Amino acid sequence: TLDGELPSAPNAFVVSSTKTSVTISWNGQENQPGKVPVIGYTIHYLHEEDDWREIPVPVNSVNDGSSKSPAYTFVVDGLNSGTRYNLFVTASNKYGDGDPSAIVAAKTIADKPLPVMLGNFNIPYYFQPMFVIPIVSAVVIIFTVLVVTFVCVRRLKQPVIPDENFHTLSAKQFSYTGTTQRYVDFDKPQMNESGNPYPFAYSTMPMDNGEVPRVSTAKFN
């Protein structure tokens, strides 16, 4: 400005971070004769989805001013866990604010899920009831469906047992077929008046001398 010289830009850097805070440090302006002393600093920090915020830091609250090139440290608290922040620092004197420092980035530590306690042991998440119960239920349902299907298939494949009153052809009915010779019953020959039976028509008698056999006839009254 036309009234006087403004402070130079501090050299800022991040020291550490926790779940809800970031510790930032910077080197202040040397106390030299003829220079306008710095009366305070301002920490600017930005949330990823928020606007820039400012924290005024008086010189006496962070350093006693005994060092020619003092180092200042400040803890920015009340932050969100697991979140990235951008920060920079500006110095000011009676004439106004100087140039900003380079922007530094810091990320707070994220919260870790608390393990389920059972007695004196920590149970992993995959052994927790909310994770195990659905899996066990699905296995039981699948097993039940398989058992029911198996029983139904076995019943469908059972052989049909015939009723005792239902008679089928058996080998016993044909056990004598073709095994015994059947003979035709003939009537006894008729007797003539002399007591000799009538010969049958076309019957022949064997001849020892080779003669042609004669046909015997019978007379009937």
C-alpha atoms as a PDB file:
ATOM      1  CA  THR A   1       0.000   0.000   0.000  1.00  0.00           C
ATOM      2  CA  LEU A   2       1.025   3.617  -0.175  1.00  0.00           C
ATOM      3  CA  ASP A   3       1.012   3.943   3.620  1.00  0.00           C
ATOM      4  CA  GLY A   4       3.633   1.295   4.422  1.00  0.00           C
ATOM      5  CA  GLU A   5       5.183  -2.095   3.720  1.00  0.00           C
ATOM      6  CA  LEU A   6       3.052  -5.227   4.213  1.00  0.00           C
ATOM      7  CA  PRO A   7       4.384  -8.443   5.816  1.00  0.00           C
ATOM      8  CA  SER A   8       5.968 -11.082   3.645  1.00  0.00           C
ATOM      9  CA  ALA A   9       4.283 -14.443   3.016  1.00  0.00           C
ATOM     10  CA  PRO A  10       4.826 -17.011   5.778  1.00  0.00           C
ATOM     11  CA  ASN A  11       6.213 -20.472   5.070  1.00  0.00           C
ATOM     12  CA  ALA A  12       3.473 -22.863   6.280  1.00  0.00           C
ATOM     13  CA  PHE A  13       3.476 -26.665   6.618  1.00  0.00           C
ATOM     14  CA  VAL A  14       1.355 -29.321   8.291  1.00  0.00           C
ATOM     15  CA  VAL A  15       2.765 -30.998  11.381  1.00  0.00           C
ATOM     16  CA  SER A  16       0.178 -33.648  12.180  1.00  0.00           C
ATOM     17  CA  SER A  17      -3.521 -34.505  12.116  1.00  0.00           C
ATOM     18  CA  THR A  18      -6.028 -36.381  14.232  1.00  0.00           C
ATOM     19  CA  LYS A  19      -9.664 -37.377  13.750  1.00  0.00           C
ATOM     20  CA  THR A  20     -10.905 -33.829  14.421  1.00  0.00           C
ATOM     21  CA  SER A  21      -7.879 -31.545  14.181  1.00  0.00           C
ATOM     22  CA  VAL A  22      -4.913 -30.471  12.070  1.00  0.00           C
ATOM     23  CA  THR A  23      -1.736 -28.968  13.492  1.00  0.00           C
ATOM     24  CA  ILE A  24      -0.151 -26.345  11.225  1.00  0.00           C
ATOM     25  CA  SER A  25       3.112 -24.487  11.675  1.00  0.00           C
ATOM     26  CA  TRP A  26       4.760 -21.551   9.905  1.00  0.00           C
ATOM     27  CA  ASN A  27       7.816 -19.360  10.102  1.00  0.00           C
ATOM     28  CA  GLY A  28       7.136 -15.719  11.021  1.00  0.00           C
ATOM     29  CA  GLN A  29       8.787 -12.514   9.854  1.00  0.00           C
ATOM     30  CA  GLU A  30      12.139 -11.675  11.377  1.00  0.00           C
ATOM     31  CA  ASN A  31      12.187  -8.785  13.799  1.00  0.00           C
ATOM     32  CA  GLN A  32      14.422  -6.251  12.125  1.00  0.00           C
ATOM     33  CA  PRO A  33      14.931  -2.556  12.861  1.00  0.00           C
ATOM     34  CA  GLY A  34      13.068  -0.298  10.497  1.00  0.00           C
ATOM     35  CA  LYS A  35      10.430  -2.920   9.567  1.00  0.00           C
ATOM     36  CA  VAL A  36       6.864  -2.710  10.669  1.00  0.00           C
ATOM     37  CA  PRO A  37       6.262  -5.518  13.152  1.00  0.00           C
ATOM     38  CA  VAL A  38       3.667  -8.232  12.535  1.00  0.00           C
ATOM     39  CA  ILE A  39       0.721  -7.991  14.894  1.00  0.00           C
ATOM     40  CA  GLY A  40      -1.082 -11.204  13.961  1.00  0.00           C
ATOM     41  CA  TYR A  41      -1.707 -14.062  11.603  1.00  0.00           C
ATOM     42  CA  THR A  42      -4.790 -15.540  10.018  1.00  0.00           C
ATOM     43  CA  ILE A  43      -5.252 -19.203   9.252  1.00  0.00           C
ATOM     44  CA  HIS A  44      -7.501 -19.913   6.309  1.00  0.00           C
ATOM     45  CA  TYR A  45      -8.864 -23.430   5.849  1.00  0.00           C
ATOM     46  CA  LEU A  46     -11.279 -24.951   3.369  1.00  0.00           C
ATOM     47  CA  HIS A  47     -13.435 -28.043   3.563  1.00  0.00           C
ATOM     48  CA  GLU A  48     -13.782 -29.968   0.291  1.00  0.00           C
ATOM     49  CA  GLU A  49     -17.441 -28.964  -0.027  1.00  0.00           C
ATOM     50  CA  ASP A  50     -17.426 -25.749   1.991  1.00  0.00           C
ATOM     51  CA  ASP A  51     -16.261 -22.131   1.787  1.00  0.00           C
ATOM     52  CA  TRP A  52     -13.048 -20.706   3.156  1.00  0.00           C
ATOM     53  CA  ARG A  53     -13.023 -20.096   6.880  1.00  0.00           C
ATOM     54  CA  GLU A  54     -10.649 -17.884   8.882  1.00  0.00           C
ATOM     55  CA  ILE A  55      -9.115 -18.146  12.332  1.00  0.00           C
ATOM     56  CA  PRO A  56      -7.343 -15.008  13.625  1.00  0.00           C
ATOM     57  CA  VAL A  57      -4.198 -15.804  15.588  1.00  0.00           C
ATOM     58  CA  PRO A  58      -2.595 -12.961  17.641  1.00  0.00           C
ATOM     59  CA  VAL A  59       1.185 -12.997  17.784  1.00  0.00           C
ATOM     60  CA  ASN A  60       1.322 -13.041  21.591  1.00  0.00           C
ATOM     61  CA  SER A  61      -0.832 -16.206  21.723  1.00  0.00           C
ATOM     62  CA  VAL A  62       1.547 -18.331  19.676  1.00  0.00           C
ATOM     63  CA  ASN A  63       5.013 -16.873  20.284  1.00  0.00           C
ATOM     64  CA  ASP A  64       6.703 -14.672  22.858  1.00  0.00           C
ATOM     65  CA  GLY A  65       8.534 -12.688  20.163  1.00  0.00           C
ATOM     66  CA  SER A  66      11.978 -13.329  21.608  1.00  0.00           C
ATOM     67  CA  SER A  67      13.288 -15.079  18.502  1.00  0.00           C
ATOM     68  CA  LYS A  68      14.391 -13.166  15.437  1.00  0.00           C
ATOM     69  CA  SER A  69      12.751 -15.769  13.153  1.00  0.00           C
ATOM     70  CA  PRO A  70      10.028 -17.335  15.275  1.00  0.00           C
ATOM     71  CA  ALA A  71       8.144 -20.520  14.403  1.00  0.00           C
ATOM     72  CA  TYR A  72       4.441 -20.564  15.126  1.00  0.00           C
ATOM     73  CA  THR A  73       2.239 -23.603  15.683  1.00  0.00           C
ATOM     74  CA  PHE A  74      -1.501 -23.731  15.887  1.00  0.00           C
ATOM     75  CA  VAL A  75      -4.075 -26.519  16.191  1.00  0.00           C
ATOM     76  CA  VAL A  76      -7.149 -26.158  13.988  1.00  0.00           C
ATOM     77  CA  ASP A  77      -9.802 -28.081  15.896  1.00  0.00           C
ATOM     78  CA  GLY A  78     -13.435 -29.051  15.396  1.00  0.00           C
ATOM     79  CA  LEU A  79     -12.915 -30.680  12.004  1.00  0.00           C
ATOM     80  CA  ASN A  80     -14.650 -33.655  10.460  1.00  0.00           C
ATOM     81  CA  SER A  81     -12.987 -37.045  10.581  1.00  0.00           C
ATOM     82  CA  GLY A  82     -11.706 -38.606   7.394  1.00  0.00           C
ATOM     83  CA  THR A  83     -11.919 -35.283   5.503  1.00  0.00           C
ATOM     84  CA  ARG A  84      -9.418 -33.436   3.346  1.00  0.00           C
ATOM     85  CA  TYR A  85      -8.710 -29.764   4.144  1.00  0.00           C
ATOM     86  CA  ASN A  86      -6.703 -27.048   2.394  1.00  0.00           C
ATOM     87  CA  LEU A  87      -4.954 -24.452   4.551  1.00  0.00           C
ATOM     88  CA  PHE A  88      -2.815 -21.340   4.148  1.00  0.00           C
ATOM     89  CA  VAL A  89      -1.576 -18.525   6.449  1.00  0.00           C
ATOM     90  CA  THR A  90      -1.362 -14.779   6.060  1.00  0.00           C
ATOM     91  CA  ALA A  91       0.450 -12.254   8.246  1.00  0.00           C
ATOM     92  CA  SER A  92      -0.811  -8.761   9.037  1.00  0.00           C
ATOM     93  CA  ASN A  93       0.563  -5.525  10.432  1.00  0.00           C
ATOM     94  CA  LYS A  94      -0.870  -2.115  10.963  1.00  0.00           C
ATOM     95  CA  TYR A  95      -0.980  -1.506   7.232  1.00  0.00           C
ATOM     96  CA  GLY A  96      -2.949  -4.652   6.351  1.00  0.00           C
ATOM     97  CA  ASP A  97      -2.598  -8.302   5.336  1.00  0.00           C
ATOM     98  CA  GLY A  98       0.426  -9.586   3.489  1.00  0.00           C
ATOM     99  CA  ASP A  99       0.688 -12.198   0.777  1.00  0.00           C
ATOM    100  CA  PRO A 100      -0.648 -15.684   1.570  1.00  0.00           C
ATOM    101  CA  SER A 101       1.548 -18.690   2.091  1.00  0.00           C
ATOM    102  CA  ALA A 102       1.430 -21.683  -0.229  1.00  0.00           C
ATOM    103  CA  ILE A 103      -1.657 -23.814   0.249  1.00  0.00           C
ATOM    104  CA  VAL A 104      -1.007 -27.014   2.170  1.00  0.00           C
ATOM    105  CA  ALA A 105      -3.311 -30.032   2.317  1.00  0.00           C
ATOM    106  CA  ALA A 106      -4.115 -32.232   5.258  1.00  0.00           C
ATOM    107  CA  LYS A 107      -6.594 -35.053   5.883  1.00  0.00           C
ATOM    108  CA  THR A 108      -8.058 -35.954   9.223  1.00  0.00           C
ATOM    109  CA  ILE A 109      -8.030 -39.568  10.378  1.00  0.00           C
ATOM    110  CA  ALA A 110     -11.147 -41.562   9.585  1.00  0.00           C
ATOM    111  CA  ASP A 111     -13.155 -43.339  12.232  1.00  0.00           C
ATOM    112  CA  LYS A 112     -12.723 -47.109  12.344  1.00  0.00           C
ATOM    113  CA  PRO A 113     -15.728 -49.361  12.929  1.00  0.00           C
ATOM    114  CA  LEU A 114     -15.786 -50.738  16.430  1.00  0.00           C
ATOM    115  CA  PRO A 115     -15.502 -54.541  16.591  1.00  0.00           C
ATOM    116  CA  VAL A 116     -18.238 -56.489  18.315  1.00  0.00           C
ATOM    117  CA  MET A 117     -17.171 -57.648  21.739  1.00  0.00           C
ATOM    118  CA  LEU A 118     -18.077 -61.143  22.942  1.00  0.00           C
ATOM    119  CA  GLY A 119     -16.491 -61.902  26.265  1.00  0.00           C
ATOM    120  CA  ASN A 120     -12.819 -61.016  25.954  1.00  0.00           C
ATOM    121  CA  PHE A 121     -12.553 -61.610  22.202  1.00  0.00           C
ATOM    122  CA  ASN A 122     -13.027 -59.421  19.178  1.00  0.00           C
ATOM    123  CA  ILE A 123     -15.301 -60.959  16.568  1.00  0.00           C
ATOM    124  CA  PRO A 124     -14.626 -60.073  12.896  1.00  0.00           C
ATOM    125  CA  TYR A 125     -17.495 -58.592  10.958  1.00  0.00           C
ATOM    126  CA  TYR A 126     -18.043 -61.792   8.969  1.00  0.00           C
ATOM    127  CA  PHE A 127     -18.872 -63.596  12.241  1.00  0.00           C
ATOM    128  CA  GLN A 128     -21.366 -61.007  13.381  1.00  0.00           C
ATOM    129  CA  PRO A 129     -25.025 -62.079  13.569  1.00  0.00           C
ATOM    130  CA  MET A 130     -26.129 -59.547  10.946  1.00  0.00           C
ATOM    131  CA  PHE A 131     -23.725 -61.184   8.477  1.00  0.00           C
ATOM    132  CA  VAL A 132     -24.085 -64.841   9.490  1.00  0.00           C
ATOM    133  CA  ILE A 133     -27.875 -65.176   9.928  1.00  0.00           C
ATOM    134  CA  PRO A 134     -28.817 -64.424   6.275  1.00  0.00           C
ATOM    135  CA  ILE A 135     -26.211 -66.865   4.976  1.00  0.00           C
ATOM    136  CA  VAL A 136     -27.312 -69.657   7.330  1.00  0.00           C
ATOM    137  CA  SER A 137     -30.962 -69.070   6.422  1.00  0.00           C
ATOM    138  CA  ALA A 138     -30.186 -69.330   2.694  1.00  0.00           C
ATOM    139  CA  VAL A 139     -28.252 -72.581   3.206  1.00  0.00           C
ATOM    140  CA  VAL A 140     -31.107 -74.114   5.218  1.00  0.00           C
ATOM    141  CA  ILE A 141     -33.662 -73.194   2.550  1.00  0.00           C
ATOM    142  CA  ILE A 142     -31.543 -74.671  -0.252  1.00  0.00           C
ATOM    143  CA  PHE A 143     -30.960 -77.871   1.728  1.00  0.00           C
ATOM    144  CA  THR A 144     -34.689 -78.254   2.450  1.00  0.00           C
ATOM    145  CA  VAL A 145     -35.579 -77.827  -1.245  1.00  0.00           C
ATOM    146  CA  LEU A 146     -33.020 -80.461  -2.255  1.00  0.00           C
ATOM    147  CA  VAL A 147     -34.325 -82.978   0.299  1.00  0.00           C
ATOM    148  CA  VAL A 148     -37.953 -82.502  -0.750  1.00  0.00           C
ATOM    149  CA  THR A 149     -37.023 -82.861  -4.434  1.00  0.00           C
ATOM    150  CA  PHE A 150     -35.079 -86.056  -3.757  1.00  0.00           C
ATOM    151  CA  VAL A 151     -37.971 -87.631  -1.845  1.00  0.00           C
ATOM    152  CA  CYS A 152     -40.466 -86.764  -4.597  1.00  0.00           C
ATOM    153  CA  VAL A 153     -38.231 -88.248  -7.300  1.00  0.00           C
ATOM    154  CA  ARG A 154     -37.777 -91.454  -5.315  1.00  0.00           C
ATOM    155  CA  ARG A 155     -41.516 -91.844  -4.920  1.00  0.00           C
ATOM    156  CA  LEU A 156     -42.098 -91.385  -8.645  1.00  0.00           C
ATOM    157  CA  LYS A 157     -39.526 -94.062  -9.490  1.00  0.00           C
ATOM    158  CA  GLN A 158     -40.869 -96.788  -7.119  1.00  0.00           C
ATOM    159  CA  PRO A 159     -41.929-100.040  -9.004  1.00  0.00           C
ATOM    160  CA  VAL A 160     -45.625-100.858  -9.285  1.00  0.00           C
ATOM    161  CA  ILE A 161     -46.494-103.919  -7.142  1.00  0.00           C
ATOM    162  CA  PRO A 162     -49.441-105.883  -8.679  1.00  0.00           C
ATOM    163  CA  ASP A 163     -52.443-106.785  -6.574  1.00  0.00           C
ATOM    164  CA  GLU A 164     -52.805-110.366  -5.346  1.00  0.00           C
ATOM    165  CA  ASN A 165     -56.193-110.665  -7.117  1.00  0.00           C
ATOM    166  CA  PHE A 166     -54.611-109.681 -10.418  1.00  0.00           C
ATOM    167  CA  HIS A 167     -53.536-112.887 -12.194  1.00  0.00           C
ATOM    168  CA  THR A 168     -50.990-112.868 -14.894  1.00  0.00           C
ATOM    169  CA  LEU A 169     -49.852-115.608 -17.196  1.00  0.00           C
ATOM    170  CA  SER A 170     -47.153-117.668 -15.603  1.00  0.00           C
ATOM    171  CA  ALA A 171     -44.914-120.453 -16.773  1.00  0.00           C
ATOM    172  CA  LYS A 172     -46.755-122.912 -14.538  1.00  0.00           C
ATOM    173  CA  GLN A 173     -49.802-122.804 -16.824  1.00  0.00           C
ATOM    174  CA  PHE A 174     -47.662-123.958 -19.731  1.00  0.00           C
ATOM    175  CA  SER A 175     -45.466-126.425 -17.877  1.00  0.00           C
ATOM    176  CA  TYR A 176     -47.125-129.452 -19.438  1.00  0.00           C
ATOM    177  CA  THR A 177     -47.610-128.079 -22.932  1.00  0.00           C
ATOM    178  CA  GLY A 178     -45.887-130.332 -25.429  1.00  0.00           C
ATOM    179  CA  THR A 179     -44.494-132.718 -22.812  1.00  0.00           C
ATOM    180  CA  THR A 180     -47.113-135.515 -22.902  1.00  0.00           C
ATOM    181  CA  GLN A 181     -48.472-137.376 -25.934  1.00  0.00           C
ATOM    182  CA  ARG A 182     -52.209-137.415 -26.353  1.00  0.00           C
ATOM    183  CA  TYR A 183     -53.995-140.442 -27.878  1.00  0.00           C
ATOM    184  CA  VAL A 184     -57.346-140.573 -29.702  1.00  0.00           C
ATOM    185  CA  ASP A 185     -59.783-142.943 -28.091  1.00  0.00           C
ATOM    186  CA  PHE A 186     -61.369-145.384 -30.558  1.00  0.00           C
ATOM    187  CA  ASP A 187     -64.532-147.360 -30.020  1.00  0.00           C
ATOM    188  CA  LYS A 188     -64.177-151.033 -29.640  1.00  0.00           C
ATOM    189  CA  PRO A 189     -64.784-153.082 -32.868  1.00  0.00           C
ATOM    190  CA  GLN A 190     -68.252-154.469 -33.377  1.00  0.00           C
ATOM    191  CA  MET A 191     -68.937-158.160 -33.044  1.00  0.00           C
ATOM    192  CA  ASN A 192     -70.626-160.207 -35.819  1.00  0.00           C
ATOM    193  CA  GLU A 193     -72.949-163.159 -35.345  1.00  0.00           C
ATOM    194  CA  SER A 194     -70.142-165.620 -35.038  1.00  0.00           C
ATOM    195  CA  GLY A 195     -68.497-163.708 -32.301  1.00  0.00           C
ATOM    196  CA  ASN A 196     -65.642-162.348 -34.422  1.00  0.00           C
ATOM    197  CA  PRO A 197     -65.199-158.677 -34.634  1.00  0.00           C
ATOM    198  CA  TYR A 198     -65.821-156.942 -37.893  1.00  0.00           C
ATOM    199  CA  PRO A 199     -62.615-155.832 -39.482  1.00  0.00           C
ATOM    200  CA  PHE A 200     -62.066-152.199 -40.118  1.00  0.00           C
ATOM    201  CA  ALA A 201     -62.398-150.925 -43.613  1.00  0.00           C
ATOM    202  CA  TYR A 202     -59.156-150.758 -45.518  1.00  0.00           C
ATOM    203  CA  SER A 203     -57.379-152.756 -42.890  1.00  0.00           C
ATOM    204  CA  THR A 204     -54.536-154.953 -44.094  1.00  0.00           C
ATOM    205  CA  MET A 205     -52.841-158.020 -42.807  1.00  0.00           C
ATOM    206  CA  PRO A 206     -49.182-158.710 -43.315  1.00  0.00           C
ATOM    207  CA  MET A 207     -48.321-161.696 -45.503  1.00  0.00           C
ATOM    208  CA  ASP A 208     -45.199-163.754 -45.006  1.00  0.00           C
ATOM    209  CA  ASN A 209     -45.052-165.081 -48.607  1.00  0.00           C
ATOM    210  CA  GLY A 210     -45.097-161.631 -50.163  1.00  0.00           C
ATOM    211  CA  GLU A 211     -48.639-161.912 -51.434  1.00  0.00           C
ATOM    212  CA  VAL A 212     -50.785-158.885 -51.714  1.00  0.00           C
ATOM    213  CA  PRO A 213     -52.859-158.570 -48.623  1.00  0.00           C
ATOM    214  CA  ARG A 214     -56.549-158.977 -49.011  1.00  0.00           C
ATOM    215  CA  VAL A 215     -59.021-156.510 -47.868  1.00  0.00           C
ATOM    216  CA  SER A 216     -61.356-157.929 -45.319  1.00  0.00           C
ATOM    217  CA  THR A 217     -64.989-156.992 -45.554  1.00  0.00           C
ATOM    218  CA  ALA A 218     -67.762-157.431 -43.176  1.00  0.00           C
ATOM    219  CA  LYS A 219     -71.370-158.198 -43.779  1.00  0.00           C
ATOM    220  CA  PHE A 220     -74.009-156.340 -41.952  1.00  0.00           C
ATOM    221  CA  ASN A 221     -77.639-157.437 -41.657  1.00  0.00           C
END
